[in-house]
C-alpha cells in the first residue's frame, strides 16, 4: 500500500487514480497522519452476506417499542 501526502496527491491525482484502477490502495496523509484511503469503488463489500448469520446471538427486549418514560421523552423534546 502506497502512502502519499496531500500535496503529492493533489499534484499527481491522475497518476494515483490510474494506480487505483489497477487495484492498488493509496493512503493520503496530512502532517504524517493518515486521513483518507483511495481504493477502487466497490472493493470493500464484494462478499455476499449470509442471512441469519447472527441468529440466536442477538436478543431484543419484549418492551423494545414501548413508549419512553415521560422524563426521558421530555429531554428529547426539549
C-alpha atoms as a PDB file:
ATOM      1  CA  UNK A   1       0.000   0.000   0.000  1.00  0.00           C
ATOM      2  CA  UNK A   2       1.420   3.341  -1.063  1.00  0.00           C
ATOM      3  CA  UNK A   3       1.435   6.392   1.247  1.00  0.00           C
ATOM      4  CA  UNK A   4       1.414   9.955  -0.126  1.00  0.00           C
ATOM      5  CA  UNK A   5       0.998  13.384   1.433  1.00  0.00           C
ATOM      6  CA  UNK A   6      -1.801  15.786   0.494  1.00  0.00           C
ATOM      7  CA  UNK A   7       0.406  17.948  -1.735  1.00  0.00           C
ATOM      8  CA  UNK A   8       1.618  14.927  -3.706  1.00  0.00           C
ATOM      9  CA  UNK A   9      -1.960  13.612  -4.001  1.00  0.00           C
ATOM     10  CA  UNK A  10      -3.161  16.939  -5.430  1.00  0.00           C
ATOM     11  CA  UNK A  11      -0.205  17.174  -7.803  1.00  0.00           C
ATOM     12  CA  UNK A  12      -0.387  13.588  -9.098  1.00  0.00           C
ATOM     13  CA  UNK A  13      -4.086  12.742  -8.752  1.00  0.00           C
ATOM     14  CA  UNK A  14      -4.416  11.346 -12.286  1.00  0.00           C
ATOM     15  CA  UNK A  15      -1.435   9.030 -11.786  1.00  0.00           C
ATOM     16  CA  UNK A  16      -2.764   7.898  -8.397  1.00  0.00           C
ATOM     17  CA  UNK A  17      -6.201   7.184  -9.867  1.00  0.00           C
ATOM     18  CA  UNK A  18      -4.580   5.065 -12.574  1.00  0.00           C
ATOM     19  CA  UNK A  19      -2.874   3.051  -9.843  1.00  0.00           C
ATOM     20  CA  UNK A  20      -6.188   2.666  -8.004  1.00  0.00           C
ATOM     21  CA  UNK A  21      -7.845   1.424 -11.198  1.00  0.00           C
ATOM     22  CA  UNK A  22      -5.073  -1.167 -11.386  1.00  0.00           C
ATOM     23  CA  UNK A  23      -6.177  -2.437  -7.961  1.00  0.00           C
ATOM     24  CA  UNK A  24      -3.762  -0.629  -5.648  1.00  0.00           C
ATOM     25  CA  UNK A  25      -4.873   1.166  -2.463  1.00  0.00           C
ATOM     26  CA  UNK A  26      -3.290   4.505  -1.572  1.00  0.00           C
ATOM     27  CA  UNK A  27      -3.244   6.218   1.834  1.00  0.00           C
ATOM     28  CA  UNK A  28      -3.247  10.039   1.868  1.00  0.00           C
ATOM     29  CA  UNK A  29      -1.630  11.628   4.933  1.00  0.00           C
ATOM     30  CA  UNK A  30      -1.694  15.147   6.336  1.00  0.00           C
ATOM     31  CA  UNK A  31       1.128  16.137   8.685  1.00  0.00           C
ATOM     32  CA  UNK A  32       2.246  12.500   8.697  1.00  0.00           C
ATOM     33  CA  UNK A  33      -1.130  11.160   9.885  1.00  0.00           C
ATOM     34  CA  UNK A  34      -3.339   9.044   7.584  1.00  0.00           C
ATOM     35  CA  UNK A  35      -6.615  10.812   6.770  1.00  0.00           C
ATOM     36  CA  UNK A  36      -8.013   9.087   3.668  1.00  0.00           C
ATOM     37  CA  UNK A  37      -7.733   5.943   1.577  1.00  0.00           C
ATOM     38  CA  UNK A  38      -8.086   5.771  -2.201  1.00  0.00           C
ATOM     39  CA  UNK A  39      -9.387   2.385  -3.270  1.00  0.00           C
ATOM     40  CA  UNK A  40     -11.442   1.045  -6.177  1.00  0.00           C
ATOM     41  CA  UNK A  41     -15.195   1.582  -5.785  1.00  0.00           C
ATOM     42  CA  UNK A  42     -16.999  -1.494  -4.558  1.00  0.00           C
ATOM     43  CA  UNK A  43     -13.841  -3.182  -3.319  1.00  0.00           C
ATOM     44  CA  UNK A  44     -14.904  -3.145   0.342  1.00  0.00           C
ATOM     45  CA  UNK A  45     -18.110  -5.199   0.126  1.00  0.00           C
ATOM     46  CA  UNK A  46     -17.508  -7.751  -2.578  1.00  0.00           C
ATOM     47  CA  UNK A  47     -18.528 -10.687  -0.359  1.00  0.00           C
ATOM     48  CA  UNK A  48     -22.199 -11.599  -0.163  1.00  0.00           C
ATOM     49  CA  UNK A  49     -23.511 -11.642   3.390  1.00  0.00           C
ATOM     50  CA  UNK A  50     -25.336 -14.735   4.543  1.00  0.00           C
ATOM     51  CA  UNK A  51     -28.779 -14.107   6.068  1.00  0.00           C
ATOM     52  CA  UNK A  52     -29.246 -15.315   9.637  1.00  0.00           C
ATOM     53  CA  UNK A  53     -25.556 -15.324  10.495  1.00  0.00           C
ATOM     54  CA  UNK A  54     -26.227 -13.899  13.986  1.00  0.00           C
ATOM     55  CA  UNK A  55     -29.345 -15.961  14.693  1.00  0.00           C
ATOM     56  CA  UNK A  56     -29.531 -16.768  18.388  1.00  0.00           C
ATOM     57  CA  UNK A  57     -26.806 -14.226  19.262  1.00  0.00           C
ATOM     58  CA  UNK A  58     -28.986 -11.108  19.371  1.00  0.00           C
ATOM     59  CA  UNK A  59     -31.827 -10.582  21.828  1.00  0.00           C
ATOM     60  CA  UNK A  60     -34.472  -7.872  21.544  1.00  0.00           C
ATOM     61  CA  UNK A  61     -36.270  -6.938  24.728  1.00  0.00           C
ATOM     62  CA  UNK A  62     -40.058  -7.548  24.726  1.00  0.00           C
ATOM     63  CA  UNK A  63     -40.610  -3.857  25.570  1.00  0.00           C
ATOM     64  CA  UNK A  64     -38.370  -2.652  22.724  1.00  0.00           C
ATOM     65  CA  UNK A  65     -41.075  -0.495  21.165  1.00  0.00           C
ATOM     66  CA  UNK A  66     -42.784   0.562  24.419  1.00  0.00           C
ATOM     67  CA  UNK A  67     -43.294   4.293  24.964  1.00  0.00           C
ATOM     68  CA  UNK A  68     -40.427   6.142  26.642  1.00  0.00           C
ATOM     69  CA  UNK A  69     -40.810   7.297  30.261  1.00  0.00           C
ATOM     70  CA  UNK A  70     -42.186  10.867  30.374  1.00  0.00           C
ATOM     71  CA  UNK A  71     -39.000  12.295  31.949  1.00  0.00           C
ATOM     72  CA  UNK A  72     -36.783  10.858  29.196  1.00  0.00           C
ATOM     73  CA  UNK A  73     -39.198  11.845  26.461  1.00  0.00           C
ATOM     74  CA  UNK A  74     -39.183  15.431  27.760  1.00  0.00           C
ATOM     75  CA  UNK A  75     -35.380  15.554  27.367  1.00  0.00           C
ATOM     76  CA  UNK A  76     -35.679  14.557  23.705  1.00  0.00           C
ATOM     77  CA  UNK A  77     -38.404  17.104  23.045  1.00  0.00           C
ATOM     78  CA  UNK A  78     -36.633  19.999  24.832  1.00  0.00           C
END
